[in-house]
Structure formats: C-alpha cells, structure tokens
Amino acid sequence: MTSYLKENSGKISFILLTLSLFVGFIFNEDSSGSGGHIADFNNTWGYVEVLTNNFFAFPGQHGSDLTPLSYMFLSWFNYFFNDKYIVRLIFCTISITLPMLFYYALKNHYEDLDRNKLLLFASLIFLFPSFRSGAIWANSSNMANIFFLLFIIFFNNWLKKDRSDKINSNIFYQLIFLALAVYTRQYYAVIYL
C-alpha cells in the first residue's frame, strides 16, 4: 500500500487538490485576501453582460481598462447559460488545465526526471491563493497564464527541433499564444522584447 501511494502520489495529490478547488468554489473562496477577486468579478461582470449583447463593445466605454479577451470568453459562456454561477463553474473547470499544462511543460523539458514527482510539483499550483481565487472568480490572470504556458511549450518544442527548416510551425504557435496572453493580460508584452 505504501509503495502504491508513493508511486501515485502525483496523481493522488492532483485529484485531491482539484477536488479542493471545487470545494472552494462551492464556498465562494477568495484566498487572495480582502475580497479582491470577488470585487474584480463583480466590477467587470457588467462588461461581460455588455459583450454578451454586443460582442464588439470596447472595454473603455464600460468602465474597464483591461484587455477584453478573457471577458469575451466569459460572454460566450454567458450567452449560452445566462447564469453567473455556471459561467464561473465553467471557468473554474477550464482553469484546471493550467496545472496540467505546467506538468506537460515540465515533462517535455525535463525528460529524465520522474514524472510522478513532476506531477506532484505541478499540483502545487492548486495551493497558490492567486490561482485558486482566479479560478473560482473567473479572473483573467488564469487565462493569460494558460496562454503563456502554451507559448512556453511551443517555445521549448522549437528549441528542441532542428532550426534549419525554413518554416517551423512552433514559431507560428508561439506567436499566436503569446499574442493571446498579451491580449488577456498586458504585462506579457514584455516577453516580446
């Protein structure tokens, strides 16, 4: 039994921490402190509703100076479900891809390390207050981090391939996902430099 737990500690921790995220969702957890993510969600929900009705509305016209990509995704979900709670639940579920992508990026870059330990390490993301609150309260930082991790994965793939090819699709995907990360959160624009 002990060897089974040791060999599968990564999977077990990933499952338990995923469940803890959904428990936090049920109790409206905001572990980032002082209700910041809750206030951000409530302050930007009006813009999501405007985008639900007019997909090409500019954020500056509706009290938001943030880039609109994450809110566009939320508006798509709101268009179909018309319920804040369900939109948040969908976003929370999508946010689980962040630790999964982090694990994939680690596994792809550190091929010689034990995959169970890498999964255990990637599962630690579930403990970060910013990730938890961002997932539960549909904050754009999680979506930007997902796009950024996809950029990193394609960047690492590009580094591993023979770069003498004239056209390498990894470069194209890097640019697309980094652009999506920037269009979700502006601070990723520094990476272009």
Protein backbone atom coordinates (compact mmCIF):
# COMPACT_ATOMS: atom_id res chain seq x y z
CA MET A 1 0.00 0.00 0.00
CA THR A 2 2.81 2.40 0.88
CA SER A 3 4.60 1.78 -2.42
CA TYR A 4 1.32 2.36 -4.30
CA LEU A 5 0.86 5.72 -2.56
CA LYS A 6 4.46 6.67 -3.23
CA GLU A 7 4.28 5.69 -6.91
CA ASN A 8 0.98 7.53 -7.43
CA SER A 9 1.44 10.48 -5.09
CA GLY A 10 1.36 12.89 -8.03
CA LYS A 11 -1.97 11.60 -9.33
CA ILE A 12 -3.48 11.41 -5.87
CA SER A 13 -2.40 14.95 -4.99
CA PHE A 14 -3.67 16.26 -8.34
CA ILE A 15 -7.10 14.68 -7.79
CA LEU A 16 -7.38 15.80 -4.15
CA LEU A 17 -6.27 19.35 -4.91
CA THR A 18 -8.67 19.52 -7.87
CA LEU A 19 -11.48 18.47 -5.52
CA SER A 20 -10.35 21.10 -3.00
CA LEU A 21 -10.66 23.73 -5.74
CA PHE A 22 -14.28 22.74 -6.36
CA VAL A 23 -14.97 22.76 -2.62
CA GLY A 24 -13.53 26.29 -2.57
CA PHE A 25 -15.84 27.13 -5.45
CA ILE A 26 -18.89 25.91 -3.56
CA PHE A 27 -17.95 28.08 -0.57
CA ASN A 28 -17.03 31.13 -2.74
CA GLU A 29 -13.45 31.11 -1.50
CA ASP A 30 -11.33 34.20 -2.09
CA SER A 31 -7.99 33.19 -0.65
CA SER A 32 -6.22 36.19 -2.15
CA GLY A 33 -7.49 38.27 0.76
CA SER A 34 -9.84 41.21 1.30
CA GLY A 35 -12.31 40.18 -1.40
CA GLY A 36 -10.16 41.38 -4.29
CA HIS A 37 -11.12 38.71 -6.79
CA ILE A 38 -14.80 38.87 -5.78
CA ALA A 39 -14.83 42.63 -6.26
CA ASP A 40 -13.00 42.33 -9.58
CA PHE A 41 -15.52 39.77 -10.83
CA ASN A 42 -18.49 41.86 -9.74
CA ASN A 43 -16.99 45.07 -11.18
CA THR A 44 -16.31 43.52 -14.58
CA TRP A 45 -19.48 41.43 -14.84
CA GLY A 46 -21.33 44.41 -16.34
CA TYR A 47 -18.82 44.44 -19.19
CA VAL A 48 -19.33 40.68 -19.69
CA GLU A 49 -23.08 41.29 -19.99
CA VAL A 50 -22.48 44.11 -22.49
CA LEU A 51 -20.26 41.77 -24.55
CA THR A 52 -22.97 39.11 -24.39
CA ASN A 53 -25.28 41.51 -26.25
CA ASN A 54 -22.68 43.38 -28.33
CA PHE A 55 -19.58 41.27 -28.89
CA PHE A 56 -17.60 44.21 -30.32
CA ALA A 57 -18.09 46.63 -27.42
CA PHE A 58 -14.88 48.36 -26.33
CA PRO A 59 -13.85 47.95 -22.69
CA GLY A 60 -13.12 51.65 -22.14
CA GLN A 61 -16.74 52.52 -22.82
CA HIS A 62 -17.93 50.30 -19.98
CA GLY A 63 -15.65 51.13 -17.08
CA SER A 64 -12.93 48.58 -17.77
CA ASP A 65 -9.42 49.36 -18.94
CA LEU A 66 -8.41 45.70 -19.24
CA THR A 67 -7.89 43.86 -22.49
CA PRO A 68 -11.11 42.08 -23.43
CA LEU A 69 -10.18 38.52 -24.47
CA SER A 70 -10.98 36.84 -21.16
CA TYR A 71 -14.23 38.77 -20.88
CA MET A 72 -15.12 37.72 -24.42
CA PHE A 73 -14.80 34.07 -23.38
CA LEU A 74 -16.96 34.73 -20.33
CA SER A 75 -19.54 36.45 -22.53
CA TRP A 76 -19.74 33.38 -24.80
CA PHE A 77 -20.49 31.20 -21.80
CA ASN A 78 -22.96 33.78 -20.51
CA TYR A 79 -24.67 33.88 -23.90
CA PHE A 80 -25.42 30.15 -23.71
CA PHE A 81 -26.11 29.75 -19.99
CA ASN A 82 -27.11 33.24 -18.81
CA ASP A 83 -26.03 32.43 -15.25
CA LYS A 84 -23.06 33.88 -13.34
CA TYR A 85 -22.64 30.74 -11.25
CA ILE A 86 -22.43 28.42 -14.27
CA VAL A 87 -20.05 30.78 -16.07
CA ARG A 88 -17.79 30.77 -13.01
CA LEU A 89 -18.01 26.96 -12.78
CA ILE A 90 -17.01 26.57 -16.44
CA PHE A 91 -14.09 28.97 -15.94
CA CYS A 92 -13.04 27.10 -12.79
CA THR A 93 -13.05 23.84 -14.75
CA ILE A 94 -11.03 25.38 -17.58
CA SER A 95 -8.50 26.69 -15.04
CA ILE A 96 -7.60 23.11 -14.15
CA THR A 97 -5.76 22.99 -17.47
CA LEU A 98 -3.15 25.38 -16.01
CA PRO A 99 -1.51 22.80 -13.68
CA MET A 100 -1.96 20.17 -16.41
CA LEU A 101 -0.13 22.34 -18.93
CA PHE A 102 2.54 23.13 -16.36
CA TYR A 103 3.06 19.39 -15.85
CA TYR A 104 3.27 18.85 -19.61
CA ALA A 105 5.80 21.67 -19.98
CA LEU A 106 7.92 20.22 -17.16
CA LYS A 107 7.69 16.70 -18.56
CA ASN A 108 8.61 17.93 -22.02
CA HIS A 109 11.60 19.95 -20.81
CA TYR A 110 12.89 17.61 -18.06
CA GLU A 111 12.54 14.26 -19.79
CA ASP A 112 14.85 12.41 -17.39
CA LEU A 113 13.02 13.33 -14.17
CA ASP A 114 10.41 11.14 -12.50
CA ARG A 115 7.00 12.03 -13.95
CA ASN A 116 5.26 11.36 -10.65
CA LYS A 117 7.41 13.98 -8.95
CA LEU A 118 6.80 16.42 -11.79
CA LEU A 119 3.03 15.94 -11.45
CA LEU A 120 3.32 16.40 -7.69
CA PHE A 121 5.27 19.62 -8.26
CA ALA A 122 2.78 20.87 -10.88
CA SER A 123 -0.09 20.14 -8.47
CA LEU A 124 1.31 22.72 -6.07
CA ILE A 125 -0.26 25.39 -8.31
CA PHE A 126 -3.59 24.46 -6.71
CA LEU A 127 -2.27 25.82 -3.41
CA PHE A 128 -1.44 29.29 -4.74
CA PRO A 129 -4.06 31.76 -3.46
CA SER A 130 -3.97 33.78 -6.68
CA PHE A 131 -4.63 30.69 -8.81
CA ARG A 132 -7.43 29.43 -6.56
CA SER A 133 -9.22 32.75 -6.33
CA GLY A 134 -8.64 33.46 -10.00
CA ALA A 135 -10.16 30.10 -10.95
CA ILE A 136 -13.13 30.46 -8.61
CA TRP A 137 -13.86 34.09 -9.53
CA ALA A 138 -13.07 33.92 -13.27
CA ASN A 139 -10.06 36.24 -13.20
CA SER A 140 -8.26 36.90 -16.47
CA SER A 141 -4.84 36.11 -14.97
CA ASN A 142 -5.51 32.36 -15.11
CA MET A 143 -6.49 32.53 -18.77
CA ALA A 144 -3.38 34.60 -19.54
CA ASN A 145 -1.23 32.04 -17.71
CA ILE A 146 -2.78 29.22 -19.76
CA PHE A 147 -1.90 31.03 -22.99
CA PHE A 148 1.58 31.82 -21.67
CA LEU A 149 2.22 28.18 -20.78
CA LEU A 150 1.14 27.15 -24.27
CA PHE A 151 3.66 29.68 -25.60
CA ILE A 152 6.37 28.12 -23.38
CA ILE A 153 5.51 24.61 -24.59
CA PHE A 154 5.85 25.61 -28.25
CA PHE A 155 8.98 27.61 -27.46
CA ASN A 156 10.58 24.52 -25.87
CA ASN A 157 9.50 22.42 -28.86
CA TRP A 158 11.13 24.97 -31.15
CA LEU A 159 14.36 24.83 -29.12
CA LYS A 160 14.45 21.03 -29.42
CA LYS A 161 13.86 20.90 -33.19
CA ASP A 162 16.38 21.40 -35.93
CA ARG A 163 16.03 25.11 -36.69
CA SER A 164 17.45 24.80 -40.18
CA ASP A 165 13.92 24.22 -41.51
CA LYS A 166 12.65 27.21 -43.42
CA ILE A 167 9.20 27.03 -41.86
CA ASN A 168 8.74 25.79 -38.32
CA SER A 169 5.14 25.68 -37.11
CA ASN A 170 6.30 26.06 -33.50
CA ILE A 171 7.26 29.68 -34.23
CA PHE A 172 3.76 30.36 -35.54
CA TYR A 173 2.13 28.80 -32.46
CA GLN A 174 4.49 30.68 -30.13
CA LEU A 175 3.44 33.99 -31.63
CA ILE A 176 -0.26 33.13 -31.55
CA PHE A 177 -0.29 32.05 -27.90
CA LEU A 178 1.92 34.87 -26.72
CA ALA A 179 -0.35 37.33 -28.54
CA LEU A 180 -3.38 35.74 -26.84
CA ALA A 181 -1.62 36.03 -23.46
CA VAL A 182 -0.90 39.72 -24.13
CA TYR A 183 -4.47 40.31 -25.26
CA THR A 184 -5.62 38.76 -21.99
CA ARG A 185 -3.09 40.49 -19.69
CA GLN A 186 -0.93 43.33 -20.99
CA TYR A 187 2.14 42.60 -18.86
CA TYR A 188 3.11 39.66 -21.10
CA ALA A 189 4.01 42.21 -23.79
CA VAL A 190 7.43 42.49 -22.12
CA ILE A 191 8.21 38.93 -23.28
CA TYR A 192 8.14 40.09 -26.91
CA LEU A 193 11.27 42.15 -26.21
